[in-house]
Amino acid sequence: MTDTSRSTRGARTGRTRRPPTAATAAAAVAAALAVSLAAAGCTSSGGSSPPDDGRSASHSPSPTGTGAAVGPVLAVKIDNAPDARPQTGLDSADVVYAEQVEGGLSRLMAVYASRLPKAVGPVRSARESDLELLRQFERPVLAYSGAQSKLLPLIDRAPLDAVTPGKKSDAYFRGGERPAPHNLYLRPSRLLPAAPGKGALTTGFRFGPAPSGGRAETSRTVRYPAAGFTFAWSASRARWLVSTDGRPTVATDGQRLAPATVVVQYVRVRASRFHDFLGNNTPYTQTVGSGKAEVLRGGRAYDVNWKRAKAEDGTEFTAADGRPVAFAEGQVWVVFAKAP
């Protein structure tokens, strides 16, 4: 069961005194990864771009996937267990999807189109739900650590380029001071020659001015049985500050992860025919269909409808009057929550 809660007084995590601890841990991981990357001779593919403050001067909603793309997007399955944090490269993703996995825990999928970081990880295994979610892209590259044997035939038949360490070992490396399986990282430049550009993001998302209406919202929490995300609005940064399981979520450089838009998308979550090695059922997150969602941007929340008619389509988000709802320019987090 997914529990969601909201507050207009600010998230409790915003008053915690733990950020220095998280930043210290992030610095240690960053230093260890830098050594690993240097030893492996890894170089960056694509320069960095200045941060987008999410306050676009666009005058009308612009859909993604309309520009020229030079290749497929890169999708990476990211470990989100406590021992895997802080993660590397999440801050460079255009879209971060969060879903429930076995035991009520959470896992992430980061999608890259605008730029490629030097490293991404820790990389973990794929799930059946990923195949449906990724059908919206034109033959994406999926980087993951592996999958259970019964799922492999489905991955092989899916319209994507699945790349594991066994298929391309030089694209992966073990780094940091963490034990396996929380220490597998990807070098994106070994899979894509360059970032394909925003034209490859055929998500159906639109970007532009905020819709009218909505309600003031300073904090939003989504809870899974054994995990949780909180997004606290920062007016000074014009971003939603991410916390995971009650602690600030930072990158390996110590900076807080802070998307411009957060979508809490209510979907059907059902049991699949797969289980983990402990016998826990693997939830199947169904992203084709329709339902309700909440779009968080600019310190406000908007109740919207979502629709994805078939797997090859992106997801449309519309207001009650049917008009498309635009997101703020910048990174988007989509958190899949179980529909009531």
C-alpha atoms as a PDB file:
ATOM      1  CA  MET A   1       0.000   0.000   0.000  1.00  0.00           C
ATOM      2  CA  THR A   2       1.317   3.423  -0.920  1.00  0.00           C
ATOM      3  CA  ASP A   3       0.709   6.234   1.549  1.00  0.00           C
ATOM      4  CA  THR A   4       0.959   9.850   0.487  1.00  0.00           C
ATOM      5  CA  SER A   5       0.887  12.943   2.650  1.00  0.00           C
ATOM      6  CA  ARG A   6       1.324  16.653   2.218  1.00  0.00           C
ATOM      7  CA  SER A   7       2.043  19.693   4.305  1.00  0.00           C
ATOM      8  CA  THR A   8       1.884  23.419   3.730  1.00  0.00           C
ATOM      9  CA  ARG A   9       4.148  24.112   6.703  1.00  0.00           C
ATOM     10  CA  GLY A  10       7.320  22.570   5.330  1.00  0.00           C
ATOM     11  CA  ALA A  11       8.753  19.065   5.572  1.00  0.00           C
ATOM     12  CA  ARG A  12      10.160  17.867   8.887  1.00  0.00           C
ATOM     13  CA  THR A  13      13.238  16.848   6.964  1.00  0.00           C
ATOM     14  CA  GLY A  14      13.842  20.536   6.206  1.00  0.00           C
ATOM     15  CA  ARG A  15      14.721  21.069   9.904  1.00  0.00           C
ATOM     16  CA  THR A  16      16.993  18.088  10.314  1.00  0.00           C
ATOM     17  CA  ARG A  17      20.636  18.610  11.180  1.00  0.00           C
ATOM     18  CA  ARG A  18      21.797  15.637   9.137  1.00  0.00           C
ATOM     19  CA  PRO A  19      22.913  17.335   5.874  1.00  0.00           C
ATOM     20  CA  PRO A  20      26.540  17.693   7.046  1.00  0.00           C
ATOM     21  CA  THR A  21      26.641  13.936   7.636  1.00  0.00           C
ATOM     22  CA  ALA A  22      25.184  13.254   4.210  1.00  0.00           C
ATOM     23  CA  ALA A  23      27.583  15.716   2.623  1.00  0.00           C
ATOM     24  CA  THR A  24      30.537  14.096   4.369  1.00  0.00           C
ATOM     25  CA  ALA A  25      29.499  10.673   3.111  1.00  0.00           C
ATOM     26  CA  ALA A  26      29.014  12.091  -0.373  1.00  0.00           C
ATOM     27  CA  ALA A  27      32.484  13.603  -0.354  1.00  0.00           C
ATOM     28  CA  ALA A  28      34.008  10.269   0.626  1.00  0.00           C
ATOM     29  CA  VAL A  29      32.203   8.459  -2.175  1.00  0.00           C
ATOM     30  CA  ALA A  30      33.140  11.153  -4.681  1.00  0.00           C
ATOM     31  CA  ALA A  31      36.802  10.903  -3.755  1.00  0.00           C
ATOM     32  CA  ALA A  32      36.786   7.113  -4.036  1.00  0.00           C
ATOM     33  CA  LEU A  33      35.035   7.229  -7.399  1.00  0.00           C
ATOM     34  CA  ALA A  34      37.449   9.835  -8.704  1.00  0.00           C
ATOM     35  CA  VAL A  35      40.298   7.470  -7.940  1.00  0.00           C
ATOM     36  CA  SER A  36      38.471   4.596  -9.660  1.00  0.00           C
ATOM     37  CA  LEU A  37      37.700   6.690 -12.733  1.00  0.00           C
ATOM     38  CA  ALA A  38      41.247   7.979 -12.975  1.00  0.00           C
ATOM     39  CA  ALA A  39      42.638   4.478 -12.699  1.00  0.00           C
ATOM     40  CA  ALA A  40      40.299   3.331 -15.454  1.00  0.00           C
ATOM     41  CA  GLY A  41      41.149   6.265 -17.694  1.00  0.00           C
ATOM     42  CA  CYS A  42      37.531   7.343 -17.932  1.00  0.00           C
ATOM     43  CA  THR A  43      36.862  10.658 -19.662  1.00  0.00           C
ATOM     44  CA  SER A  44      33.782  12.782 -19.831  1.00  0.00           C
ATOM     45  CA  SER A  45      31.464  12.685 -22.832  1.00  0.00           C
ATOM     46  CA  GLY A  46      29.980  16.113 -23.135  1.00  0.00           C
ATOM     47  CA  GLY A  47      30.467  19.231 -21.105  1.00  0.00           C
ATOM     48  CA  SER A  48      28.465  20.439 -18.183  1.00  0.00           C
ATOM     49  CA  SER A  49      25.729  22.993 -18.544  1.00  0.00           C
ATOM     50  CA  PRO A  50      24.680  25.709 -16.103  1.00  0.00           C
ATOM     51  CA  PRO A  51      21.848  24.766 -13.762  1.00  0.00           C
ATOM     52  CA  ASP A  52      18.325  25.598 -14.879  1.00  0.00           C
ATOM     53  CA  ASP A  53      16.368  27.402 -12.186  1.00  0.00           C
ATOM     54  CA  GLY A  54      13.056  26.116 -13.534  1.00  0.00           C
ATOM     55  CA  ARG A  55      11.726  29.598 -14.280  1.00  0.00           C
ATOM     56  CA  SER A  56      11.480  29.444 -18.050  1.00  0.00           C
ATOM     57  CA  ALA A  57      10.459  32.481 -20.026  1.00  0.00           C
ATOM     58  CA  SER A  58       8.651  30.238 -22.505  1.00  0.00           C
ATOM     59  CA  HIS A  59       5.293  31.655 -23.589  1.00  0.00           C
ATOM     60  CA  SER A  60       3.538  28.414 -24.503  1.00  0.00           C
ATOM     61  CA  PRO A  61       3.862  24.769 -23.472  1.00  0.00           C
ATOM     62  CA  SER A  62       6.438  22.996 -25.610  1.00  0.00           C
ATOM     63  CA  PRO A  63       6.319  19.186 -25.862  1.00  0.00           C
ATOM     64  CA  THR A  64       9.420  17.072 -25.491  1.00  0.00           C
ATOM     65  CA  GLY A  65      10.597  14.948 -28.393  1.00  0.00           C
ATOM     66  CA  THR A  66      10.017  17.656 -31.020  1.00  0.00           C
ATOM     67  CA  GLY A  67      13.647  18.629 -31.647  1.00  0.00           C
ATOM     68  CA  ALA A  68      16.261  16.756 -33.613  1.00  0.00           C
ATOM     69  CA  ALA A  69      17.676  13.723 -31.819  1.00  0.00           C
ATOM     70  CA  VAL A  70      21.057  12.250 -32.706  1.00  0.00           C
ATOM     71  CA  GLY A  71      20.498   8.866 -31.086  1.00  0.00           C
ATOM     72  CA  PRO A  72      18.663   7.007 -28.355  1.00  0.00           C
ATOM     73  CA  VAL A  73      18.239   8.003 -24.739  1.00  0.00           C
ATOM     74  CA  LEU A  74      20.243   6.226 -22.065  1.00  0.00           C
ATOM     75  CA  ALA A  75      18.213   4.673 -19.248  1.00  0.00           C
ATOM     76  CA  VAL A  76      20.049   3.385 -16.178  1.00  0.00           C
ATOM     77  CA  LYS A  77      18.601   1.322 -13.330  1.00  0.00           C
ATOM     78  CA  ILE A  78      19.839   2.923 -10.110  1.00  0.00           C
ATOM     79  CA  ASP A  79      20.136   1.278  -6.707  1.00  0.00           C
ATOM     80  CA  ASN A  80      18.223   3.182  -4.026  1.00  0.00           C
ATOM     81  CA  ALA A  81      18.923   1.021  -0.974  1.00  0.00           C
ATOM     82  CA  PRO A  82      20.424   2.909   1.993  1.00  0.00           C
ATOM     83  CA  ASP A  83      23.860   1.361   1.348  1.00  0.00           C
ATOM     84  CA  ALA A  84      23.788   2.722  -2.217  1.00  0.00           C
ATOM     85  CA  ARG A  85      23.502   6.376  -1.236  1.00  0.00           C
ATOM     86  CA  PRO A  86      24.670   8.886  -2.202  1.00  0.00           C
ATOM     87  CA  GLN A  87      24.272   7.981  -5.857  1.00  0.00           C
ATOM     88  CA  THR A  88      26.395   9.267  -8.705  1.00  0.00           C
ATOM     89  CA  GLY A  89      25.078  11.035 -11.800  1.00  0.00           C
ATOM     90  CA  LEU A  90      21.426  11.380 -10.789  1.00  0.00           C
ATOM     91  CA  ASP A  91      21.676  15.170 -10.894  1.00  0.00           C
ATOM     92  CA  SER A  92      22.480  15.019 -14.629  1.00  0.00           C
ATOM     93  CA  ALA A  93      19.379  13.014 -15.586  1.00  0.00           C
ATOM     94  CA  ASP A  94      16.548  14.647 -17.489  1.00  0.00           C
ATOM     95  CA  VAL A  95      13.962  12.368 -15.895  1.00  0.00           C
ATOM     96  CA  VAL A  96      14.113  10.205 -12.763  1.00  0.00           C
ATOM     97  CA  TYR A  97      11.432   7.545 -12.302  1.00  0.00           C
ATOM     98  CA  ALA A  98      10.841   6.050  -8.843  1.00  0.00           C
ATOM     99  CA  GLU A  99       8.981   2.782  -8.374  1.00  0.00           C
ATOM    100  CA  GLN A 100       8.292   0.199  -5.697  1.00  0.00           C
ATOM    101  CA  VAL A 101      10.176  -3.099  -5.853  1.00  0.00           C
ATOM    102  CA  GLU A 102      10.354  -6.242  -3.726  1.00  0.00           C
ATOM    103  CA  GLY A 103       9.945  -5.926   0.018  1.00  0.00           C
ATOM    104  CA  GLY A 104       8.343  -2.491  -0.324  1.00  0.00           C
ATOM    105  CA  LEU A 105      11.681  -0.857  -1.185  1.00  0.00           C
ATOM    106  CA  SER A 106      12.259   1.669  -3.973  1.00  0.00           C
ATOM    107  CA  ARG A 107      14.403   1.721  -7.092  1.00  0.00           C
ATOM    108  CA  LEU A 108      15.139   4.443  -9.614  1.00  0.00           C
ATOM    109  CA  MET A 109      15.482   4.689 -13.360  1.00  0.00           C
ATOM    110  CA  ALA A 110      17.425   7.694 -14.627  1.00  0.00           C
ATOM    111  CA  VAL A 111      16.966   8.801 -18.242  1.00  0.00           C
ATOM    112  CA  TYR A 112      19.675  10.865 -19.965  1.00  0.00           C
ATOM    113  CA  ALA A 113      19.260  12.896 -23.138  1.00  0.00           C
ATOM    114  CA  SER A 114      20.591  16.437 -22.598  1.00  0.00           C
ATOM    115  CA  ARG A 115      23.976  15.488 -21.163  1.00  0.00           C
ATOM    116  CA  LEU A 116      25.964  12.478 -20.044  1.00  0.00           C
ATOM    117  CA  PRO A 117      27.865  12.471 -16.737  1.00  0.00           C
ATOM    118  CA  LYS A 118      31.235  10.776 -16.322  1.00  0.00           C
ATOM    119  CA  ALA A 119      29.749   8.020 -14.203  1.00  0.00           C
ATOM    120  CA  VAL A 120      26.340   6.775 -13.071  1.00  0.00           C
ATOM    121  CA  GLY A 121      25.469   4.392 -10.301  1.00  0.00           C
ATOM    122  CA  PRO A 122      25.293   2.232  -8.383  1.00  0.00           C
ATOM    123  CA  VAL A 123      23.710   0.211 -11.195  1.00  0.00           C
ATOM    124  CA  ARG A 124      21.243  -2.529 -10.304  1.00  0.00           C
ATOM    125  CA  SER A 125      18.952  -5.066 -11.946  1.00  0.00           C
ATOM    126  CA  ALA A 126      16.007  -4.602 -14.296  1.00  0.00           C
ATOM    127  CA  ARG A 127      12.340  -5.385 -13.709  1.00  0.00           C
ATOM    128  CA  GLU A 128       9.499  -6.386 -16.032  1.00  0.00           C
ATOM    129  CA  SER A 129       7.832  -2.979 -15.551  1.00  0.00           C
ATOM    130  CA  ASP A 130      10.873  -1.289 -17.104  1.00  0.00           C
ATOM    131  CA  LEU A 131      10.106  -2.801 -20.494  1.00  0.00           C
ATOM    132  CA  GLU A 132       6.664  -1.186 -20.661  1.00  0.00           C
ATOM    133  CA  LEU A 133       7.930   2.154 -19.375  1.00  0.00           C
ATOM    134  CA  LEU A 134      10.752   2.292 -21.933  1.00  0.00           C
ATOM    135  CA  ARG A 135       8.550   1.552 -24.949  1.00  0.00           C
ATOM    136  CA  GLN A 136       7.836   5.308 -25.134  1.00  0.00           C
ATOM    137  CA  PHE A 137      11.384   5.857 -26.432  1.00  0.00           C
ATOM    138  CA  GLU A 138      12.861   4.948 -29.814  1.00  0.00           C
ATOM    139  CA  ARG A 139      15.024   1.894 -29.070  1.00  0.00           C
ATOM    140  CA  PRO A 140      16.601   3.221 -25.865  1.00  0.00           C
ATOM    141  CA  VAL A 141      19.839   1.916 -24.379  1.00  0.00           C
ATOM    142  CA  LEU A 142      19.124   0.223 -21.046  1.00  0.00           C
ATOM    143  CA  ALA A 143      22.072  -0.150 -18.676  1.00  0.00           C
ATOM    144  CA  TYR A 144      21.479  -2.597 -15.833  1.00  0.00           C
ATOM    145  CA  SER A 145      23.414  -5.127 -13.795  1.00  0.00           C
ATOM    146  CA  GLY A 146      21.365  -8.152 -14.784  1.00  0.00           C
ATOM    147  CA  ALA A 147      17.977  -9.796 -14.260  1.00  0.00           C
ATOM    148  CA  GLN A 148      16.559 -13.101 -13.154  1.00  0.00           C
ATOM    149  CA  SER A 149      16.783 -15.809 -15.799  1.00  0.00           C
ATOM    150  CA  LYS A 150      13.026 -16.017 -16.466  1.00  0.00           C
ATOM    151  CA  LEU A 151      12.934 -12.316 -17.348  1.00  0.00           C
ATOM    152  CA  LEU A 152      15.855 -12.400 -19.782  1.00  0.00           C
ATOM    153  CA  PRO A 153      13.822 -13.684 -22.783  1.00  0.00           C
ATOM    154  CA  LEU A 154      11.411 -10.756 -22.386  1.00  0.00           C
ATOM    155  CA  ILE A 155      14.307  -8.303 -22.289  1.00  0.00           C
ATOM    156  CA  ASP A 156      15.834  -9.887 -25.370  1.00  0.00           C
ATOM    157  CA  ARG A 157      12.574  -9.451 -27.303  1.00  0.00           C
ATOM    158  CA  ALA A 158      11.979  -5.865 -26.158  1.00  0.00           C
ATOM    159  CA  PRO A 159      12.670  -3.022 -28.631  1.00  0.00           C
ATOM    160  CA  LEU A 160      15.690  -1.710 -26.759  1.00  0.00           C
ATOM    161  CA  ASP A 161      19.452  -2.176 -26.545  1.00  0.00           C
ATOM    162  CA  ALA A 162      20.048  -3.943 -23.238  1.00  0.00           C
ATOM    163  CA  VAL A 163      23.629  -3.633 -21.992  1.00  0.00           C
ATOM    164  CA  THR A 164      24.912  -5.508 -18.959  1.00  0.00           C
ATOM    165  CA  PRO A 165      28.489  -5.825 -17.653  1.00  0.00           C
ATOM    166  CA  GLY A 166      28.587  -9.231 -19.310  1.00  0.00           C
ATOM    167  CA  LYS A 167      27.806  -7.690 -22.701  1.00  0.00           C
ATOM    168  CA  LYS A 168      30.150  -4.706 -22.456  1.00  0.00           C
ATOM    169  CA  SER A 169      32.502  -5.052 -19.545  1.00  0.00           C
ATOM    170  CA  ASP A 170      34.567  -1.934 -20.312  1.00  0.00           C
ATOM    171  CA  ALA A 171      31.476   0.238 -19.782  1.00  0.00           C
ATOM    172  CA  TYR A 172      31.278  -0.742 -16.107  1.00  0.00           C
ATOM    173  CA  PHE A 173      33.607  -0.613 -13.138  1.00  0.00           C
ATOM    174  CA  ARG A 174      33.591  -1.348  -9.423  1.00  0.00           C
ATOM    175  CA  GLY A 175      34.284   1.774  -7.433  1.00  0.00           C
ATOM    176  CA  GLY A 176      34.129   3.412  -4.058  1.00  0.00           C
ATOM    177  CA  GLU A 177      34.450   1.748  -0.693  1.00  0.00           C
ATOM    178  CA  ARG A 178      31.089  -0.008  -0.725  1.00  0.00           C
ATOM    179  CA  PRO A 179      30.680  -3.767  -0.898  1.00  0.00           C
ATOM    180  CA  ALA A 180      28.950  -5.449  -3.820  1.00  0.00           C
ATOM    181  CA  PRO A 181      26.279  -5.147  -5.098  1.00  0.00           C
ATOM    182  CA  HIS A 182      26.255  -1.437  -4.218  1.00  0.00           C
ATOM    183  CA  ASN A 183      29.487  -0.524  -6.025  1.00  0.00           C
ATOM    184  CA  LEU A 184      28.815  -1.118  -9.744  1.00  0.00           C
ATOM    185  CA  TYR A 185      29.063   2.026 -11.868  1.00  0.00           C
ATOM    186  CA  LEU A 186      28.554   2.859 -15.534  1.00  0.00           C
ATOM    187  CA  ARG A 187      30.666   4.980 -17.875  1.00  0.00           C
ATOM    188  CA  PRO A 188      27.971   6.439 -20.180  1.00  0.00           C
ATOM    189  CA  SER A 189      30.529   7.499 -22.788  1.00  0.00           C
ATOM    190  CA  ARG A 190      31.236   3.825 -23.468  1.00  0.00           C
ATOM    191  CA  LEU A 191      27.609   3.272 -24.516  1.00  0.00           C
ATOM    192  CA  LEU A 192      26.722   6.518 -26.303  1.00  0.00           C
ATOM    193  CA  PRO A 193      29.130   8.710 -28.300  1.00  0.00           C
ATOM    194  CA  ALA A 194      27.229  11.822 -27.215  1.00  0.00           C
ATOM    195  CA  ALA A 195      24.025  12.893 -25.543  1.00  0.00           C
ATOM    196  CA  PRO A 196      21.195  12.567 -28.091  1.00  0.00           C
ATOM    197  CA  GLY A 197      19.496  15.847 -27.164  1.00  0.00           C
ATOM    198  CA  LYS A 198      16.057  16.645 -25.791  1.00  0.00           C
ATOM    199  CA  GLY A 199      14.455  15.561 -29.051  1.00  0.00           C
ATOM    200  CA  ALA A 200      14.942  11.972 -27.900  1.00  0.00           C
ATOM    201  CA  LEU A 201      12.744  12.529 -24.830  1.00  0.00           C
ATOM    202  CA  THR A 202       9.473  11.276 -26.295  1.00  0.00           C
ATOM    203  CA  THR A 203       7.834  11.262 -22.864  1.00  0.00           C
ATOM    204  CA  GLY A 204       4.859  13.401 -23.801  1.00  0.00           C
ATOM    205  CA  PHE A 205       5.907  15.989 -21.193  1.00  0.00           C
ATOM    206  CA  ARG A 206       5.317  19.639 -22.005  1.00  0.00           C
ATOM    207  CA  PHE A 207       7.258  22.582 -20.590  1.00  0.00           C
ATOM    208  CA  GLY A 208       6.091  26.143 -20.209  1.00  0.00           C
ATOM    209  CA  PRO A 209       4.243  28.543 -17.904  1.00  0.00           C
ATOM    210  CA  ALA A 210       2.437  27.151 -14.883  1.00  0.00           C
ATOM    211  CA  PRO A 211      -1.278  26.472 -15.246  1.00  0.00           C
ATOM    212  CA  SER A 212      -3.792  28.569 -13.369  1.00  0.00           C
ATOM    213  CA  GLY A 213      -5.180  27.447 -10.042  1.00  0.00           C
ATOM    214  CA  GLY A 214      -3.499  24.838  -7.921  1.00  0.00           C
ATOM    215  CA  ARG A 215      -2.861  25.081  -4.203  1.00  0.00           C
ATOM    216  CA  ALA A 216       0.109  26.174  -2.135  1.00  0.00           C
ATOM    217  CA  GLU A 217       2.306  23.193  -1.256  1.00  0.00           C
ATOM    218  CA  THR A 218       5.624  23.279   0.563  1.00  0.00           C
ATOM    219  CA  SER A 219       6.086  19.565   1.206  1.00  0.00           C
ATOM    220  CA  ARG A 220       4.884  16.333  -0.357  1.00  0.00           C
ATOM    221  CA  THR A 221       5.638  12.798   0.845  1.00  0.00           C
ATOM    222  CA  VAL A 222       5.066   9.493  -0.930  1.00  0.00           C
ATOM    223  CA  ARG A 223       5.504   6.349   1.144  1.00  0.00           C
ATOM    224  CA  TYR A 224       6.031   2.767   0.066  1.00  0.00           C
ATOM    225  CA  PRO A 225       5.841  -0.066   2.629  1.00  0.00           C
ATOM    226  CA  ALA A 226       9.581   0.140   3.355  1.00  0.00           C
ATOM    227  CA  ALA A 227      10.685   3.399   1.699  1.00  0.00           C
ATOM    228  CA  GLY A 228       9.620   6.987   1.258  1.00  0.00           C
ATOM    229  CA  PHE A 229      10.293  10.208  -0.659  1.00  0.00           C
ATOM    230  CA  THR A 230       9.724  13.768   0.512  1.00  0.00           C
ATOM    231  CA  PHE A 231       9.918  16.819  -1.742  1.00  0.00           C
ATOM    232  CA  ALA A 232      10.244  20.149   0.102  1.00  0.00           C
ATOM    233  CA  TRP A 233       9.869  23.387  -1.820  1.00  0.00           C
ATOM    234  CA  SER A 234      12.815  25.783  -1.718  1.00  0.00           C
ATOM    235  CA  ALA A 235      11.788  29.273  -2.820  1.00  0.00           C
ATOM    236  CA  SER A 236      15.416  30.427  -2.926  1.00  0.00           C
ATOM    237  CA  ARG A 237      16.365  27.674  -5.367  1.00  0.00           C
ATOM    238  CA  ALA A 238      12.978  27.395  -7.109  1.00  0.00           C
ATOM    239  CA  ARG A 239      13.337  23.640  -6.715  1.00  0.00           C
ATOM    240  CA  TRP A 240      11.941  20.701  -4.763  1.00  0.00           C
ATOM    241  CA  LEU A 241      14.567  19.375  -2.360  1.00  0.00           C
ATOM    242  CA  VAL A 242      14.550  15.578  -2.265  1.00  0.00           C
ATOM    243  CA  SER A 243      14.734  13.473   0.883  1.00  0.00           C
ATOM    244  CA  THR A 244      14.729   9.683   0.885  1.00  0.00           C
ATOM    245  CA  ASP A 245      13.623   7.696   3.928  1.00  0.00           C
ATOM    246  CA  GLY A 246      13.689  10.896   5.978  1.00  0.00           C
ATOM    247  CA  ARG A 247      17.233  11.968   5.068  1.00  0.00           C
ATOM    248  CA  PRO A 248      18.402  14.609   2.576  1.00  0.00           C
ATOM    249  CA  THR A 249      19.206  13.092  -0.801  1.00  0.00           C
ATOM    250  CA  VAL A 250      22.520  14.407  -2.091  1.00  0.00           C
ATOM    251  CA  ALA A 251      24.780  13.711  -5.029  1.00  0.00           C
ATOM    252  CA  THR A 252      28.360  12.577  -4.553  1.00  0.00           C
ATOM    253  CA  ASP A 253      29.459  16.215  -4.714  1.00  0.00           C
ATOM    254  CA  GLY A 254      27.335  16.892  -1.635  1.00  0.00           C
ATOM    255  CA  GLN A 255      24.726  18.958  -3.468  1.00  0.00           C
ATOM    256  CA  ARG A 256      21.064  18.295  -2.693  1.00  0.00           C
ATOM    257  CA  LEU A 257      19.077  16.676  -5.500  1.00  0.00           C
ATOM    258  CA  ALA A 258      16.459  19.222  -6.512  1.00  0.00           C
ATOM    259  CA  PRO A 259      14.116  18.705  -9.481  1.00  0.00           C
ATOM    260  CA  ALA A 260      12.117  21.568 -10.959  1.00  0.00           C
ATOM    261  CA  THR A 261       8.979  19.423 -11.299  1.00  0.00           C
ATOM    262  CA  VAL A 262       7.727  16.428  -9.344  1.00  0.00           C
ATOM    263  CA  VAL A 263       4.892  14.228 -10.573  1.00  0.00           C
ATOM    264  CA  VAL A 264       3.116  11.859  -8.199  1.00  0.00           C
ATOM    265  CA  GLN A 265       1.423   9.514 -10.657  1.00  0.00           C
ATOM    266  CA  TYR A 266      -1.208   7.122  -9.335  1.00  0.00           C
ATOM    267  CA  VAL A 267      -1.011   3.817 -11.195  1.00  0.00           C
ATOM    268  CA  ARG A 268      -2.054   0.216 -10.863  1.00  0.00           C
ATOM    269  CA  VAL A 269       0.579  -1.824  -9.016  1.00  0.00           C
ATOM    270  CA  ARG A 270      -0.089  -5.550  -9.233  1.00  0.00           C
ATOM    271  CA  ALA A 271       1.734  -8.763  -8.487  1.00  0.00           C
ATOM    272  CA  SER A 272       3.863 -10.101 -11.331  1.00  0.00           C
ATOM    273  CA  ARG A 273       4.875 -13.683 -12.049  1.00  0.00           C
ATOM    274  CA  PHE A 274       8.404 -12.983 -10.847  1.00  0.00           C
ATOM    275  CA  HIS A 275       9.955 -13.200  -7.365  1.00  0.00           C
ATOM    276  CA  ASP A 276      13.301 -12.320  -5.849  1.00  0.00           C
ATOM    277  CA  PHE A 277      15.624 -14.893  -4.273  1.00  0.00           C
ATOM    278  CA  LEU A 278      13.900 -14.423  -0.908  1.00  0.00           C
ATOM    279  CA  GLY A 279      10.532 -15.284  -2.409  1.00  0.00           C
ATOM    280  CA  ASN A 280       9.186 -11.717  -2.380  1.00  0.00           C
ATOM    281  CA  ASN A 281       6.917 -10.967  -5.300  1.00  0.00           C
ATOM    282  CA  THR A 282       8.137  -8.386  -7.807  1.00  0.00           C
ATOM    283  CA  PRO A 283       5.487  -5.657  -8.162  1.00  0.00           C
ATOM    284  CA  TYR A 284       4.451  -4.726 -11.689  1.00  0.00           C
ATOM    285  CA  THR A 285       3.935  -0.973 -12.093  1.00  0.00           C
ATOM    286  CA  GLN A 286       1.477  -0.428 -14.938  1.00  0.00           C
ATOM    287  CA  THR A 287       2.205   2.839 -16.745  1.00  0.00           C
ATOM    288  CA  VAL A 288      -0.119   2.329 -19.728  1.00  0.00           C
ATOM    289  CA  GLY A 289      -3.678   3.417 -19.087  1.00  0.00           C
ATOM    290  CA  SER A 290      -5.096   6.478 -17.363  1.00  0.00           C
ATOM    291  CA  GLY A 291      -5.614   7.889 -13.911  1.00  0.00           C
ATOM    292  CA  LYS A 292      -4.959  10.762 -11.530  1.00  0.00           C
ATOM    293  CA  ALA A 293      -1.730  12.555 -10.732  1.00  0.00           C
ATOM    294  CA  GLU A 294      -0.371  15.565  -8.898  1.00  0.00           C
ATOM    295  CA  VAL A 295       2.085  17.936 -10.531  1.00  0.00           C
ATOM    296  CA  LEU A 296       4.309  19.929  -8.177  1.00  0.00           C
ATOM    297  CA  ARG A 297       5.969  23.043  -9.548  1.00  0.00           C
ATOM    298  CA  GLY A 298       6.675  26.526  -8.296  1.00  0.00           C
ATOM    299  CA  GLY A 299       5.604  25.759  -4.729  1.00  0.00           C
ATOM    300  CA  ARG A 300       2.128  24.725  -5.836  1.00  0.00           C
ATOM    301  CA  ALA A 301       0.349  21.419  -6.479  1.00  0.00           C
ATOM    302  CA  TYR A 302      -2.016  20.743  -9.353  1.00  0.00           C
ATOM    303  CA  ASP A 303      -4.478  17.865  -9.520  1.00  0.00           C
ATOM    304  CA  VAL A 304      -4.371  16.497 -13.061  1.00  0.00           C
ATOM    305  CA  ASN A 305      -5.317  13.529 -15.208  1.00  0.00           C
ATOM    306  CA  TRP A 306      -2.815  11.318 -16.978  1.00  0.00           C
ATOM    307  CA  LYS A 307      -3.263   9.154 -20.054  1.00  0.00           C
ATOM    308  CA  ARG A 308      -0.998   6.813 -21.979  1.00  0.00           C
ATOM    309  CA  ALA A 309      -3.088   4.959 -24.539  1.00  0.00           C
ATOM    310  CA  LYS A 310      -0.438   2.475 -25.611  1.00  0.00           C
ATOM    311  CA  ALA A 311       3.112   1.566 -24.655  1.00  0.00           C
ATOM    312  CA  GLU A 312       4.623   3.390 -27.634  1.00  0.00           C
ATOM    313  CA  ASP A 313       3.048   6.681 -26.531  1.00  0.00           C
ATOM    314  CA  GLY A 314       4.296   9.245 -24.084  1.00  0.00           C
ATOM    315  CA  THR A 315       2.151  10.259 -21.116  1.00  0.00           C
ATOM    316  CA  GLU A 316      -0.240  13.175 -21.400  1.00  0.00           C
ATOM    317  CA  PHE A 317      -1.014  15.265 -18.325  1.00  0.00           C
ATOM    318  CA  THR A 318      -4.131  17.424 -18.566  1.00  0.00           C
ATOM    319  CA  ALA A 319      -6.198  19.696 -16.353  1.00  0.00           C
ATOM    320  CA  ALA A 320      -9.895  19.143 -15.659  1.00  0.00           C
ATOM    321  CA  ASP A 321     -10.768  21.180 -18.756  1.00  0.00           C
ATOM    322  CA  GLY A 322      -8.585  18.974 -20.953  1.00  0.00           C
ATOM    323  CA  ARG A 323      -5.799  21.492 -21.478  1.00  0.00           C
ATOM    324  CA  PRO A 324      -2.203  20.171 -21.328  1.00  0.00           C
ATOM    325  CA  VAL A 325      -0.392  20.856 -18.067  1.00  0.00           C
ATOM    326  CA  ALA A 326       3.137  22.168 -18.539  1.00  0.00           C
ATOM    327  CA  PHE A 327       6.113  21.367 -16.348  1.00  0.00           C
ATOM    328  CA  ALA A 328       8.830  23.778 -15.215  1.00  0.00           C
ATOM    329  CA  GLU A 329      12.026  23.650 -17.243  1.00  0.00           C
ATOM    330  CA  GLY A 330      14.585  21.387 -15.607  1.00  0.00           C
ATOM    331  CA  GLN A 331      14.779  17.914 -14.160  1.00  0.00           C
ATOM    332  CA  VAL A 332      11.544  15.966 -13.652  1.00  0.00           C
ATOM    333  CA  TRP A 333      10.951  13.281 -11.028  1.00  0.00           C
ATOM    334  CA  VAL A 334       8.026  10.921 -11.577  1.00  0.00           C
ATOM    335  CA  VAL A 335       7.095   8.906  -8.491  1.00  0.00           C
ATOM    336  CA  PHE A 336       4.715   6.030  -9.182  1.00  0.00           C
ATOM    337  CA  ALA A 337       2.252   5.580  -6.335  1.00  0.00           C
ATOM    338  CA  LYS A 338      -0.364   2.877  -5.987  1.00  0.00           C
ATOM    339  CA  ALA A 339      -3.779   4.149  -6.983  1.00  0.00           C
ATOM    340  CA  PRO A 340      -6.393   4.032  -4.206  1.00  0.00           C
END
